[in-house]
C-alpha atoms as a PDB file:
ATOM      1  CA  UNK A   1       0.000   0.000   0.000  1.00  0.00           C
ATOM      2  CA  UNK A   2       2.914   2.371   0.667  1.00  0.00           C
ATOM      3  CA  UNK A   3       4.076   2.106  -2.953  1.00  0.00           C
ATOM      4  CA  UNK A   4       0.559   2.879  -4.198  1.00  0.00           C
ATOM      5  CA  UNK A   5       0.341   5.854  -1.838  1.00  0.00           C
ATOM      6  CA  UNK A   6       3.538   7.279  -3.367  1.00  0.00           C
ATOM      7  CA  UNK A   7       2.727   6.173  -6.935  1.00  0.00           C
ATOM      8  CA  UNK A   8      -1.041   5.633  -7.452  1.00  0.00           C
ATOM      9  CA  UNK A   9      -0.592   4.147 -10.926  1.00  0.00           C
ATOM     10  CA  UNK A  10       1.304   1.191  -9.421  1.00  0.00           C
ATOM     11  CA  UNK A  11      -2.059  -0.516  -8.855  1.00  0.00           C
ATOM     12  CA  UNK A  12      -4.575   0.541 -11.488  1.00  0.00           C
ATOM     13  CA  UNK A  13      -8.029  -0.819 -12.258  1.00  0.00           C
ATOM     14  CA  UNK A  14      -9.879  -0.094 -15.505  1.00  0.00           C
ATOM     15  CA  UNK A  15     -13.535  -1.133 -15.436  1.00  0.00           C
ATOM     16  CA  UNK A  16     -17.118  -0.224 -16.218  1.00  0.00           C
ATOM     17  CA  UNK A  17     -19.096   0.989 -13.218  1.00  0.00           C
ATOM     18  CA  UNK A  18     -22.811   1.587 -12.811  1.00  0.00           C
ATOM     19  CA  UNK A  19     -23.740   5.184 -12.159  1.00  0.00           C
ATOM     20  CA  UNK A  20     -26.029   6.224  -9.328  1.00  0.00           C
ATOM     21  CA  UNK A  21     -28.718   8.839  -9.897  1.00  0.00           C
ATOM     22  CA  UNK A  22     -27.499  12.423  -9.776  1.00  0.00           C
ATOM     23  CA  UNK A  23     -24.185  14.186 -10.260  1.00  0.00           C
ATOM     24  CA  UNK A  24     -22.056  12.847  -7.398  1.00  0.00           C
ATOM     25  CA  UNK A  25     -20.396   9.477  -8.042  1.00  0.00           C
ATOM     26  CA  UNK A  26     -17.972   7.421  -5.941  1.00  0.00           C
ATOM     27  CA  UNK A  27     -15.234   4.924  -6.706  1.00  0.00           C
ATOM     28  CA  UNK A  28     -15.746   1.248  -5.876  1.00  0.00           C
ATOM     29  CA  UNK A  29     -14.786   0.285  -2.307  1.00  0.00           C
ATOM     30  CA  UNK A  30     -11.197  -0.671  -3.287  1.00  0.00           C
ATOM     31  CA  UNK A  31     -10.630   2.678  -5.030  1.00  0.00           C
ATOM     32  CA  UNK A  32      -8.236   5.195  -3.543  1.00  0.00           C
ATOM     33  CA  UNK A  33      -7.837   7.780  -6.344  1.00  0.00           C
ATOM     34  CA  UNK A  34      -9.704   8.543  -9.579  1.00  0.00           C
ATOM     35  CA  UNK A  35      -7.359   8.709 -12.575  1.00  0.00           C
ATOM     36  CA  UNK A  36      -9.790   9.130 -15.502  1.00  0.00           C
ATOM     37  CA  UNK A  37     -13.389   8.765 -16.650  1.00  0.00           C
ATOM     38  CA  UNK A  38     -12.961   7.458 -20.182  1.00  0.00           C
ATOM     39  CA  UNK A  39     -16.281   6.861 -21.939  1.00  0.00           C
ATOM     40  CA  UNK A  40     -19.918   5.875 -21.720  1.00  0.00           C
ATOM     41  CA  UNK A  41     -20.478   2.096 -21.682  1.00  0.00           C
ATOM     42  CA  UNK A  42     -24.259   1.710 -22.101  1.00  0.00           C
ATOM     43  CA  UNK A  43     -26.677   0.050 -19.697  1.00  0.00           C
ATOM     44  CA  UNK A  44     -24.942  -3.331 -20.005  1.00  0.00           C
ATOM     45  CA  UNK A  45     -21.433  -1.982 -19.286  1.00  0.00           C
ATOM     46  CA  UNK A  46     -20.134  -3.617 -22.492  1.00  0.00           C
ATOM     47  CA  UNK A  47     -21.312  -1.192 -25.191  1.00  0.00           C
ATOM     48  CA  UNK A  48     -18.684   1.501 -25.876  1.00  0.00           C
ATOM     49  CA  UNK A  49     -20.133   4.960 -26.326  1.00  0.00           C
ATOM     50  CA  UNK A  50     -19.119   8.598 -26.491  1.00  0.00           C
ATOM     51  CA  UNK A  51     -16.008   9.813 -24.724  1.00  0.00           C
ATOM     52  CA  UNK A  52     -16.335  11.848 -21.538  1.00  0.00           C
ATOM     53  CA  UNK A  53     -14.293  15.039 -21.142  1.00  0.00           C
ATOM     54  CA  UNK A  54     -12.939  16.502 -17.948  1.00  0.00           C
ATOM     55  CA  UNK A  55     -13.913  20.100 -17.226  1.00  0.00           C
ATOM     56  CA  UNK A  56     -13.380  22.515 -14.376  1.00  0.00           C
ATOM     57  CA  UNK A  57     -16.319  22.627 -11.985  1.00  0.00           C
ATOM     58  CA  UNK A  58     -16.167  26.409 -11.631  1.00  0.00           C
ATOM     59  CA  UNK A  59     -16.765  26.779 -15.391  1.00  0.00           C
ATOM     60  CA  UNK A  60     -19.864  24.590 -15.239  1.00  0.00           C
ATOM     61  CA  UNK A  61     -20.992  26.383 -12.064  1.00  0.00           C
ATOM     62  CA  UNK A  62     -20.759  29.718 -13.918  1.00  0.00           C
ATOM     63  CA  UNK A  63     -22.427  28.561 -17.155  1.00  0.00           C
ATOM     64  CA  UNK A  64     -25.078  26.176 -15.765  1.00  0.00           C
ATOM     65  CA  UNK A  65     -25.654  27.079 -12.085  1.00  0.00           C
ATOM     66  CA  UNK A  66     -28.405  24.474 -11.615  1.00  0.00           C
ATOM     67  CA  UNK A  67     -26.446  21.581 -13.124  1.00  0.00           C
ATOM     68  CA  UNK A  68     -26.829  19.451  -9.991  1.00  0.00           C
ATOM     69  CA  UNK A  69     -30.618  19.315 -10.380  1.00  0.00           C
ATOM     70  CA  UNK A  70     -31.770  15.930 -11.628  1.00  0.00           C
ATOM     71  CA  UNK A  71     -34.469  17.383 -13.916  1.00  0.00           C
ATOM     72  CA  UNK A  72     -32.057  17.024 -16.841  1.00  0.00           C
ATOM     73  CA  UNK A  73     -30.920  13.506 -15.912  1.00  0.00           C
ATOM     74  CA  UNK A  74     -29.565  11.501 -18.849  1.00  0.00           C
ATOM     75  CA  UNK A  75     -28.119   8.118 -19.736  1.00  0.00           C
ATOM     76  CA  UNK A  76     -25.224   9.627 -21.718  1.00  0.00           C
ATOM     77  CA  UNK A  77     -22.628  11.543 -19.747  1.00  0.00           C
ATOM     78  CA  UNK A  78     -20.661  14.352 -21.436  1.00  0.00           C
ATOM     79  CA  UNK A  79     -18.363  15.749 -18.749  1.00  0.00           C
ATOM     80  CA  UNK A  80     -16.786  14.904 -15.412  1.00  0.00           C
ATOM     81  CA  UNK A  81     -15.126  16.957 -12.695  1.00  0.00           C
ATOM     82  CA  UNK A  82     -12.550  15.868 -10.137  1.00  0.00           C
ATOM     83  CA  UNK A  83     -11.139  17.543  -7.043  1.00  0.00           C
ATOM     84  CA  UNK A  84      -7.860  16.038  -5.741  1.00  0.00           C
ATOM     85  CA  UNK A  85      -8.897  16.994  -2.202  1.00  0.00           C
ATOM     86  CA  UNK A  86     -11.708  14.409  -2.477  1.00  0.00           C
ATOM     87  CA  UNK A  87      -9.938  11.578  -4.360  1.00  0.00           C
ATOM     88  CA  UNK A  88     -12.647   8.893  -4.164  1.00  0.00           C
ATOM     89  CA  UNK A  89     -15.515  11.026  -5.494  1.00  0.00           C
ATOM     90  CA  UNK A  90     -16.191  12.777  -8.783  1.00  0.00           C
ATOM     91  CA  UNK A  91     -19.056  14.652 -10.418  1.00  0.00           C
ATOM     92  CA  UNK A  92     -20.670  14.095 -13.808  1.00  0.00           C
ATOM     93  CA  UNK A  93     -22.752  16.207 -16.181  1.00  0.00           C
ATOM     94  CA  UNK A  94     -25.502  15.876 -17.097  1.00  0.00           C
ATOM     95  CA  UNK A  95     -26.771  14.140 -13.967  1.00  0.00           C
ATOM     96  CA  UNK A  96     -27.139  10.388 -14.334  1.00  0.00           C
ATOM     97  CA  UNK A  97     -30.542   8.767 -14.556  1.00  0.00           C
ATOM     98  CA  UNK A  98     -28.934   5.612 -13.026  1.00  0.00           C
ATOM     99  CA  UNK A  99     -29.495   3.503 -16.159  1.00  0.00           C
ATOM    100  CA  UNK A 100     -25.991   3.489 -17.601  1.00  0.00           C
ATOM    101  CA  UNK A 101     -22.370   2.721 -16.904  1.00  0.00           C
ATOM    102  CA  UNK A 102     -19.092   4.487 -17.601  1.00  0.00           C
ATOM    103  CA  UNK A 103     -15.541   3.206 -17.964  1.00  0.00           C
ATOM    104  CA  UNK A 104     -13.243   4.593 -15.290  1.00  0.00           C
ATOM    105  CA  UNK A 105      -9.575   4.191 -14.457  1.00  0.00           C
ATOM    106  CA  UNK A 106      -8.655   4.412 -10.808  1.00  0.00           C
ATOM    107  CA  UNK A 107      -5.910   3.544  -8.389  1.00  0.00           C
ATOM    108  CA  UNK A 108      -6.974   0.648  -6.225  1.00  0.00           C
ATOM    109  CA  UNK A 109      -5.701  -0.840  -3.019  1.00  0.00           C
ATOM    110  CA  UNK A 110      -3.557  -3.894  -3.769  1.00  0.00           C
ATOM    111  CA  UNK A 111      -5.060  -7.196  -2.708  1.00  0.00           C
ATOM    112  CA  UNK A 112      -3.742  -8.722   0.488  1.00  0.00           C
ATOM    113  CA  UNK A 113      -1.773 -11.870  -0.287  1.00  0.00           C
ATOM    114  CA  UNK A 114      -0.682 -14.911   1.682  1.00  0.00           C
ATOM    115  CA  UNK A 115       2.517 -16.894   1.336  1.00  0.00           C
ATOM    116  CA  UNK A 116       2.804 -18.420  -2.124  1.00  0.00           C
ATOM    117  CA  UNK A 117       0.323 -16.027  -3.785  1.00  0.00           C
ATOM    118  CA  UNK A 118       1.231 -13.479  -6.455  1.00  0.00           C
ATOM    119  CA  UNK A 119       1.460  -9.817  -5.548  1.00  0.00           C
ATOM    120  CA  UNK A 120      -0.943  -7.655  -7.560  1.00  0.00           C
ATOM    121  CA  UNK A 121       1.599  -4.879  -8.224  1.00  0.00           C
ATOM    122  CA  UNK A 122       3.377  -4.992 -11.605  1.00  0.00           C
ATOM    123  CA  UNK A 123       6.782  -6.721 -11.869  1.00  0.00           C
ATOM    124  CA  UNK A 124       8.420  -3.400 -12.740  1.00  0.00           C
ATOM    125  CA  UNK A 125       8.168  -2.576  -9.012  1.00  0.00           C
ATOM    126  CA  UNK A 126      10.112  -5.701  -7.918  1.00  0.00           C
ATOM    127  CA  UNK A 127      13.225  -3.861  -6.702  1.00  0.00           C
ATOM    128  CA  UNK A 128      11.055  -1.267  -4.949  1.00  0.00           C
ATOM    129  CA  UNK A 129       9.164  -4.038  -3.152  1.00  0.00           C
ATOM    130  CA  UNK A 130      12.420  -5.722  -2.089  1.00  0.00           C
ATOM    131  CA  UNK A 131      13.795  -2.444  -0.709  1.00  0.00           C
ATOM    132  CA  UNK A 132      10.510  -1.770   1.075  1.00  0.00           C
ATOM    133  CA  UNK A 133      10.475  -5.234   2.675  1.00  0.00           C
ATOM    134  CA  UNK A 134      14.091  -4.770   3.799  1.00  0.00           C
ATOM    135  CA  UNK A 135      13.239  -1.325   5.173  1.00  0.00           C
ATOM    136  CA  UNK A 136      10.394  -2.813   7.230  1.00  0.00           C
ATOM    137  CA  UNK A 137      12.494  -5.767   8.418  1.00  0.00           C
ATOM    138  CA  UNK A 138      15.441  -3.633   9.520  1.00  0.00           C
ATOM    139  CA  UNK A 139      13.067  -1.134  11.173  1.00  0.00           C
ATOM    140  CA  UNK A 140      11.587  -3.907  13.336  1.00  0.00           C
ATOM    141  CA  UNK A 141      14.950  -5.432  14.298  1.00  0.00           C
ATOM    142  CA  UNK A 142      16.126  -3.024  16.988  1.00  0.00           C
ATOM    143  CA  UNK A 143      18.624  -5.454  18.583  1.00  0.00           C
ATOM    144  CA  UNK A 144      21.431  -4.160  16.386  1.00  0.00           C
ATOM    145  CA  UNK A 145      21.976  -0.387  16.370  1.00  0.00           C
ATOM    146  CA  UNK A 146      23.132  -0.220  12.728  1.00  0.00           C
ATOM    147  CA  UNK A 147      19.796  -1.611  11.525  1.00  0.00           C
ATOM    148  CA  UNK A 148      18.097   1.784  11.835  1.00  0.00           C
ATOM    149  CA  UNK A 149      20.601   3.243   9.379  1.00  0.00           C
ATOM    150  CA  UNK A 150      20.214   0.253   7.024  1.00  0.00           C
ATOM    151  CA  UNK A 151      16.423   0.647   7.205  1.00  0.00           C
ATOM    152  CA  UNK A 152      16.658   4.322   6.227  1.00  0.00           C
ATOM    153  CA  UNK A 153      18.992   3.450   3.348  1.00  0.00           C
ATOM    154  CA  UNK A 154      16.440   1.016   1.937  1.00  0.00           C
ATOM    155  CA  UNK A 155      13.606   3.510   2.427  1.00  0.00           C
ATOM    156  CA  UNK A 156      15.571   6.179   0.553  1.00  0.00           C
ATOM    157  CA  UNK A 157      16.115   3.642  -2.248  1.00  0.00           C
ATOM    158  CA  UNK A 158      12.343   3.130  -2.432  1.00  0.00           C
ATOM    159  CA  UNK A 159      11.660   6.864  -2.681  1.00  0.00           C
ATOM    160  CA  UNK A 160      14.440   7.402  -5.209  1.00  0.00           C
ATOM    161  CA  UNK A 161      13.279   4.529  -7.427  1.00  0.00           C
ATOM    162  CA  UNK A 162       9.707   5.823  -7.441  1.00  0.00           C
ATOM    163  CA  UNK A 163      10.876   9.372  -8.179  1.00  0.00           C
ATOM    164  CA  UNK A 164      13.151   8.296 -11.032  1.00  0.00           C
ATOM    165  CA  UNK A 165      10.404   6.164 -12.533  1.00  0.00           C
ATOM    166  CA  UNK A 166       7.990   9.081 -12.439  1.00  0.00           C
ATOM    167  CA  UNK A 167      10.579  11.294 -14.126  1.00  0.00           C
ATOM    168  CA  UNK A 168      11.068   8.711 -16.898  1.00  0.00           C
ATOM    169  CA  UNK A 169       7.325   8.229 -17.359  1.00  0.00           C
ATOM    170  CA  UNK A 170       6.833  11.975 -17.707  1.00  0.00           C
ATOM    171  CA  UNK A 171       9.711  12.327 -20.172  1.00  0.00           C
ATOM    172  CA  UNK A 172       8.455   9.515 -22.414  1.00  0.00           C
ATOM    173  CA  UNK A 173       4.696   9.993 -21.989  1.00  0.00           C
ATOM    174  CA  UNK A 174       2.641   9.775 -25.190  1.00  0.00           C
ATOM    175  CA  UNK A 175       0.883  12.930 -23.928  1.00  0.00           C
ATOM    176  CA  UNK A 176       4.090  14.991 -23.866  1.00  0.00           C
ATOM    177  CA  UNK A 177       3.732  17.921 -26.204  1.00  0.00           C
ATOM    178  CA  UNK A 178       0.001  17.355 -26.626  1.00  0.00           C
ATOM    179  CA  UNK A 179      -1.812  20.474 -27.769  1.00  0.00           C
ATOM    180  CA  UNK A 180      -4.710  21.458 -25.556  1.00  0.00           C
ATOM    181  CA  UNK A 181      -7.587  23.554 -26.768  1.00  0.00           C
ATOM    182  CA  UNK A 182     -10.485  25.002 -24.887  1.00  0.00           C
ATOM    183  CA  UNK A 183     -13.789  23.365 -25.757  1.00  0.00           C
ATOM    184  CA  UNK A 184     -17.151  24.997 -25.069  1.00  0.00           C
ATOM    185  CA  UNK A 185     -19.532  23.041 -22.869  1.00  0.00           C
ATOM    186  CA  UNK A 186     -22.189  21.244 -24.871  1.00  0.00           C
ATOM    187  CA  UNK A 187     -25.459  21.118 -22.992  1.00  0.00           C
END
């Protein structure tokens, strides 16, 4: 869980979720951070539909002040809003009539494993996991004074590895250099 807290994309789930009525939606119980709302997926959750664009809530608040009212509820969602201060909730527009699903990508808590089971975090994090396990082991073994220093060394290796990976992902992202344009809100 510590790796996912530092790097949410280390444990990602991409799935169709049923919408509840209204504008406020929540991640499934294992969700810890919304990453994206991709597209409409129909009532069955298997029928790809229109894409869903992120917009700033204050723009919608200014242009459509009553957007939270369910009078205009629809099955097809056009926009979503996200506030990083509330990472497990997001808002949609128009309000959902609770008959459809959308595809979302979110960071999820890794599954708890027992001895002999596979860890749900990608293999690319193997060295980070090893350093984290060593950090925890040396932190708990207080009989030898040098273990505290060894523990901190492994923890620093974890943080450095996650930071370097993020730097590489940013440098080689397919979105790097993407042109953004402002798009008017379609009602």
